[in-house]
Amino acid sequence: MDPLTRTSSGGFLGGSRAVLSCELSTTKQGPVAVLDRKVMLVKRKTLLQRLVVGDIFHATTRNGASLICLVTRLNKTQIEARTVTTQKAVRVDRNTGLGKLEAERVACSEDSVAPLPIAVHNEMLGMDRKFRLAQSLKALRLTSSEKKALLFIDSFYSDRPI
């Protein structure tokens, strides 16, 4: 993440973008600077640009459906991924994090790119392979470790938004 530098006008400079305002808020962890939306957009864009093929991110649809997505292809403007469990294609704009769930054209928004712990990441890769190659419904039954990984992800990504 690019460091922020305070300017003489009281704003902040982050990379090549000036931030116009900052306010101080107090949380349980102490005072926190709350920067305006411009910094959030720069941070989001920077994090989205860092994704590579094989990374896993989380997105949410407007109705609140949770999408665990595996990056399958990238270009300068777009992230192509598929959902781990349903194997549906997702396309996301690399600058905004907004996208569509391909088959239904359902709008979604990438809300976390936090790297999963290695064991959970590997469990998701195994689930992706299982759901992609399964030849029967019986083969799709979740193991206890897969269930634990999905339960872990539920709180993990919501605690680490972009």
Protein backbone atom coordinates (compact mmCIF):
# COMPACT_ATOMS: atom_id res chain seq x y z
CA MET A 1 0.00 0.00 0.00
CA ASP A 2 1.31 3.47 -0.86
CA PRO A 3 2.23 5.58 2.19
CA LEU A 4 0.30 8.79 2.79
CA THR A 5 2.15 12.06 3.24
CA ARG A 6 0.57 15.11 4.90
CA THR A 7 0.51 18.20 2.67
CA SER A 8 0.79 21.86 3.75
CA SER A 9 -2.93 22.36 3.03
CA GLY A 10 -3.92 19.74 5.63
CA GLY A 11 -4.71 17.05 3.07
CA PHE A 12 -2.74 13.96 2.26
CA LEU A 13 -0.83 12.81 -0.76
CA GLY A 14 -0.89 9.12 -1.63
CA GLY A 15 0.96 8.16 -4.79
CA SER A 16 -0.14 10.66 -7.44
CA ARG A 17 -3.58 11.32 -5.92
CA ALA A 18 -4.28 14.10 -3.42
CA VAL A 19 -6.74 13.40 -0.65
CA LEU A 20 -8.86 16.38 0.28
CA SER A 21 -10.02 15.58 3.78
CA CYS A 22 -9.30 13.52 6.83
CA GLU A 23 -11.10 13.21 10.14
CA LEU A 24 -10.12 11.43 13.30
CA SER A 25 -12.37 8.73 14.70
CA THR A 26 -11.94 6.74 17.90
CA THR A 27 -12.35 2.97 17.94
CA LYS A 28 -11.65 0.30 20.56
CA GLN A 29 -8.14 0.06 19.11
CA GLY A 30 -7.56 3.81 19.52
CA PRO A 31 -7.71 6.82 17.17
CA VAL A 32 -8.01 6.08 13.47
CA ALA A 33 -7.77 8.47 10.54
CA VAL A 34 -10.84 8.22 8.35
CA LEU A 35 -9.87 9.35 4.87
CA ASP A 36 -12.28 10.37 2.16
CA ARG A 37 -13.54 8.08 -0.61
CA LYS A 38 -10.68 8.96 -2.98
CA VAL A 39 -8.15 7.09 -0.84
CA MET A 40 -10.47 4.09 -0.65
CA LEU A 41 -10.68 4.00 -4.45
CA VAL A 42 -6.89 4.23 -4.79
CA LYS A 43 -6.45 1.44 -2.23
CA ARG A 44 -9.07 -0.75 -3.96
CA LYS A 45 -7.49 -0.22 -7.38
CA THR A 46 -4.00 -0.96 -6.04
CA LEU A 47 -5.13 -4.17 -4.35
CA LEU A 48 -7.05 -5.32 -7.43
CA GLN A 49 -3.99 -4.70 -9.61
CA ARG A 50 -1.91 -6.98 -7.36
CA LEU A 51 -4.05 -10.07 -7.98
CA VAL A 52 -2.51 -12.86 -10.05
CA VAL A 53 -3.88 -16.07 -11.57
CA GLY A 54 -4.51 -18.56 -8.78
CA ASP A 55 -5.42 -15.95 -6.15
CA ILE A 56 -8.75 -16.22 -4.37
CA PHE A 57 -10.96 -13.22 -3.62
CA HIS A 58 -14.42 -12.66 -2.17
CA ALA A 59 -17.30 -10.87 -3.86
CA THR A 60 -20.91 -10.26 -2.90
CA THR A 61 -24.00 -9.88 -5.07
CA ARG A 62 -26.63 -7.22 -4.45
CA ASN A 63 -28.85 -9.75 -2.71
CA GLY A 64 -26.01 -10.70 -0.35
CA ALA A 65 -24.88 -13.97 -1.95
CA SER A 66 -21.28 -14.79 -1.08
CA LEU A 67 -18.93 -15.63 -3.96
CA ILE A 68 -15.56 -17.28 -3.34
CA CYS A 69 -13.72 -16.67 -6.60
CA LEU A 70 -10.55 -18.13 -8.08
CA VAL A 71 -8.70 -15.87 -10.54
CA THR A 72 -8.31 -17.68 -13.88
CA ARG A 73 -7.20 -14.92 -16.24
CA LEU A 74 -6.19 -11.25 -16.11
CA ASN A 75 -5.67 -8.38 -18.47
CA LYS A 76 -5.07 -4.67 -17.84
CA THR A 77 -8.75 -3.88 -17.24
CA GLN A 78 -10.47 -7.09 -16.22
CA ILE A 79 -10.24 -10.00 -13.80
CA GLU A 80 -11.75 -13.27 -14.97
CA ALA A 81 -12.55 -15.78 -12.26
CA ARG A 82 -14.89 -18.63 -11.42
CA THR A 83 -16.75 -19.33 -8.23
CA VAL A 84 -15.22 -22.24 -6.35
CA THR A 85 -18.47 -24.07 -5.53
CA THR A 86 -20.78 -23.33 -8.47
CA GLN A 87 -18.08 -22.95 -11.15
CA LYS A 88 -19.81 -19.89 -12.62
CA ALA A 89 -17.72 -17.34 -14.49
CA VAL A 90 -17.24 -13.92 -12.91
CA ARG A 91 -15.80 -10.87 -14.65
CA VAL A 92 -14.65 -7.93 -12.55
CA ASP A 93 -13.32 -4.51 -13.51
CA ARG A 94 -9.75 -4.21 -12.17
CA ASN A 95 -10.15 -0.53 -11.36
CA THR A 96 -13.48 -0.53 -9.53
CA GLY A 97 -14.01 -4.08 -8.30
CA LEU A 98 -17.49 -4.14 -9.84
CA GLY A 99 -18.44 -7.11 -11.94
CA LYS A 100 -21.01 -9.57 -13.18
CA LEU A 101 -21.73 -13.19 -12.52
CA GLU A 102 -21.65 -14.35 -16.17
CA ALA A 103 -24.58 -16.71 -16.66
CA GLU A 104 -27.22 -14.56 -14.99
CA ARG A 105 -25.53 -11.19 -15.49
CA VAL A 106 -25.97 -10.64 -11.75
CA ALA A 107 -24.10 -7.59 -10.48
CA CYS A 108 -21.43 -8.24 -7.86
CA SER A 109 -18.73 -6.32 -6.06
CA GLU A 110 -15.32 -7.57 -5.02
CA ASP A 111 -15.17 -6.83 -1.31
CA SER A 112 -12.01 -8.57 -0.07
CA VAL A 113 -8.73 -9.73 -1.56
CA ALA A 114 -7.13 -10.68 1.75
CA PRO A 115 -4.83 -13.67 1.26
CA LEU A 116 -6.20 -16.78 2.92
CA PRO A 117 -4.00 -18.84 5.22
CA ILE A 118 -2.18 -21.41 3.09
CA ALA A 119 -4.12 -24.41 4.45
CA VAL A 120 -7.48 -22.74 3.71
CA HIS A 121 -6.28 -21.57 0.28
CA ASN A 122 -5.25 -25.13 -0.59
CA GLU A 123 -8.60 -26.44 0.67
CA MET A 124 -10.37 -23.98 -1.69
CA LEU A 125 -8.19 -25.11 -4.61
CA GLY A 126 -9.12 -28.71 -3.83
CA MET A 127 -12.81 -27.80 -3.68
CA ASP A 128 -12.55 -25.95 -6.99
CA ARG A 129 -11.05 -29.03 -8.60
CA LYS A 130 -13.66 -31.29 -6.98
CA PHE A 131 -16.61 -29.20 -8.19
CA ARG A 132 -15.09 -28.72 -11.65
CA LEU A 133 -14.39 -32.41 -12.30
CA ALA A 134 -17.07 -34.23 -10.27
CA GLN A 135 -18.86 -36.97 -12.15
CA SER A 136 -21.63 -37.64 -9.62
CA LEU A 137 -23.55 -35.83 -6.89
CA LYS A 138 -22.03 -38.15 -4.31
CA ALA A 139 -18.59 -36.87 -5.28
CA LEU A 140 -19.67 -33.33 -4.31
CA ARG A 141 -20.20 -34.12 -0.62
CA LEU A 142 -18.12 -31.82 1.55
CA THR A 143 -15.50 -33.26 3.86
CA SER A 144 -15.19 -31.98 7.42
CA SER A 145 -12.07 -29.98 6.49
CA GLU A 146 -13.92 -28.35 3.56
CA LYS A 147 -16.80 -27.41 5.86
CA LYS A 148 -14.35 -25.91 8.37
CA ALA A 149 -12.65 -23.92 5.60
CA LEU A 150 -15.98 -22.50 4.36
CA LEU A 151 -16.98 -21.53 7.91
CA PHE A 152 -13.58 -19.89 8.41
CA ILE A 153 -13.94 -17.89 5.18
CA ASP A 154 -17.31 -16.52 6.25
CA SER A 155 -15.79 -14.41 9.03
CA PHE A 156 -12.30 -14.04 7.54
CA TYR A 157 -13.31 -11.97 4.52
CA SER A 158 -15.92 -9.89 6.35
CA ASP A 159 -13.22 -8.86 8.85
CA ARG A 160 -10.85 -7.81 6.01
CA PRO A 161 -12.74 -5.64 3.49
CA ILE A 162 -11.07 -3.49 0.86
